[in-house]
Amino acid sequence: MEKKRVIVDYKNITEDLLKLLTDTYPYGYEDFVVRFKNAKGENVQSIPLETDDTKYLVKVGIELDKVVEAFLDDDDDGDDDSGEKDLDVSDSEVDDSDD
């Protein structure tokens, strides 16, 4: 059975597709951009994503970068598997002296 082919605008991207995007391109997707002309003759830039049953082209632009960055910021809540935690420490609590 052939996979469905879907073009998705960043405005309509689901959280599952955002996770797949960040997992597929952990170091960025700039080198994987596909360019094509849509039915209106407009130039479109997109990146390919694939699930078990669907091939996606996700339209890219500055706005998608912002969406991905926000998604990663939300996902990075200090409870990662490294055992490290984010601490809120004021400057007055830090001892800079070289005793």
Protein backbone atom coordinates (compact mmCIF):
# COMPACT_ATOMS: atom_id res chain seq x y z
CA MET A 1 0.00 0.00 0.00
CA GLU A 2 1.34 3.42 -0.94
CA LYS A 3 1.66 6.09 1.73
CA LYS A 4 -0.55 9.19 1.76
CA ARG A 5 1.17 12.42 0.75
CA VAL A 6 0.28 15.53 2.73
CA ILE A 7 1.54 19.12 2.65
CA VAL A 8 1.25 20.78 6.07
CA ASP A 9 1.64 24.46 6.87
CA TYR A 10 3.51 25.23 10.09
CA LYS A 11 0.30 26.86 11.40
CA ASN A 12 -1.47 23.50 11.30
CA ILE A 13 1.34 21.27 12.54
CA THR A 14 0.39 18.92 15.37
CA GLU A 15 2.45 18.35 18.49
CA ASP A 16 3.17 14.79 17.30
CA LEU A 17 4.59 16.13 14.03
CA LEU A 18 6.64 18.73 15.93
CA LYS A 19 8.12 15.93 18.05
CA LEU A 20 8.88 13.90 14.92
CA LEU A 21 10.45 16.97 13.32
CA THR A 22 12.75 17.64 16.29
CA ASP A 23 13.65 13.94 16.56
CA THR A 24 14.33 13.64 12.82
CA TYR A 25 16.35 16.86 12.57
CA PRO A 26 17.97 17.35 16.01
CA TYR A 27 20.69 19.59 14.54
CA GLY A 28 18.40 21.63 12.29
CA TYR A 29 16.70 21.04 8.97
CA GLU A 30 18.37 23.71 6.82
CA ASP A 31 20.26 21.13 4.73
CA PHE A 32 17.08 19.13 4.04
CA VAL A 33 14.82 21.83 2.60
CA VAL A 34 12.88 20.81 -0.51
CA ARG A 35 11.76 23.54 -2.93
CA PHE A 36 8.80 23.25 -5.29
CA LYS A 37 6.08 25.31 -6.97
CA ASN A 38 2.55 24.90 -5.69
CA ALA A 39 -0.61 24.88 -7.81
CA LYS A 40 -0.64 28.71 -7.74
CA GLY A 41 2.87 28.82 -9.17
CA GLU A 42 4.35 30.11 -5.89
CA ASN A 43 7.75 28.89 -4.70
CA VAL A 44 7.40 26.84 -1.53
CA GLN A 45 10.09 25.57 0.82
CA SER A 46 9.37 22.52 2.94
CA ILE A 47 11.02 19.70 4.83
CA PRO A 48 10.11 16.02 4.49
CA LEU A 49 8.77 13.99 7.40
CA GLU A 50 7.54 10.43 7.28
CA THR A 51 5.36 8.26 9.50
CA ASP A 52 4.34 4.65 9.02
CA ASP A 53 1.41 5.60 6.79
CA THR A 54 2.07 9.18 5.57
CA LYS A 55 4.75 11.26 3.83
CA TYR A 56 4.58 14.91 4.88
CA LEU A 57 6.07 18.06 3.44
CA VAL A 58 6.03 20.70 6.18
CA LYS A 59 6.19 24.24 4.83
CA VAL A 60 9.07 26.12 6.43
CA GLY A 61 9.95 29.70 7.14
CA ILE A 62 10.95 31.96 9.99
CA GLU A 63 7.61 31.27 11.65
CA LEU A 64 8.27 27.50 11.79
CA ASP A 65 11.62 28.19 13.46
CA LYS A 66 9.74 30.10 16.17
CA VAL A 67 7.18 27.31 16.61
CA VAL A 68 9.92 24.66 16.92
CA GLU A 69 11.90 26.81 19.37
CA ALA A 70 8.80 27.33 21.52
CA PHE A 71 8.07 23.59 21.42
CA LEU A 72 11.62 22.76 22.51
CA ASP A 73 11.47 25.38 25.28
CA ASP A 74 8.22 23.85 26.58
CA ASP A 75 9.73 20.37 26.37
CA ASP A 76 12.88 21.47 28.25
CA ASP A 77 11.42 21.83 31.73
CA GLY A 78 14.49 20.81 33.73
CA ASP A 79 13.32 17.22 34.24
CA ASP A 80 15.44 15.57 31.58
CA ASP A 81 17.11 12.18 31.96
CA SER A 82 20.55 13.64 32.71
CA GLY A 83 19.74 14.09 36.38
CA GLU A 84 20.50 17.80 36.12
CA LYS A 85 17.95 20.31 37.32
CA ASP A 86 17.56 24.00 36.65
CA LEU A 87 18.02 26.00 39.85
CA ASP A 88 16.91 29.54 40.49
CA VAL A 89 19.74 31.16 42.44
CA SER A 90 19.99 34.88 43.02
CA ASP A 91 23.35 36.65 42.67
CA SER A 92 23.40 37.30 46.43
CA GLU A 93 23.42 33.54 47.08
CA VAL A 94 26.52 32.91 44.93
CA ASP A 95 29.95 33.07 46.56
CA ASP A 96 32.44 34.29 43.94
CA SER A 97 35.39 34.56 46.34
CA ASP A 98 38.53 32.55 45.65
CA ASP A 99 39.13 31.49 49.28
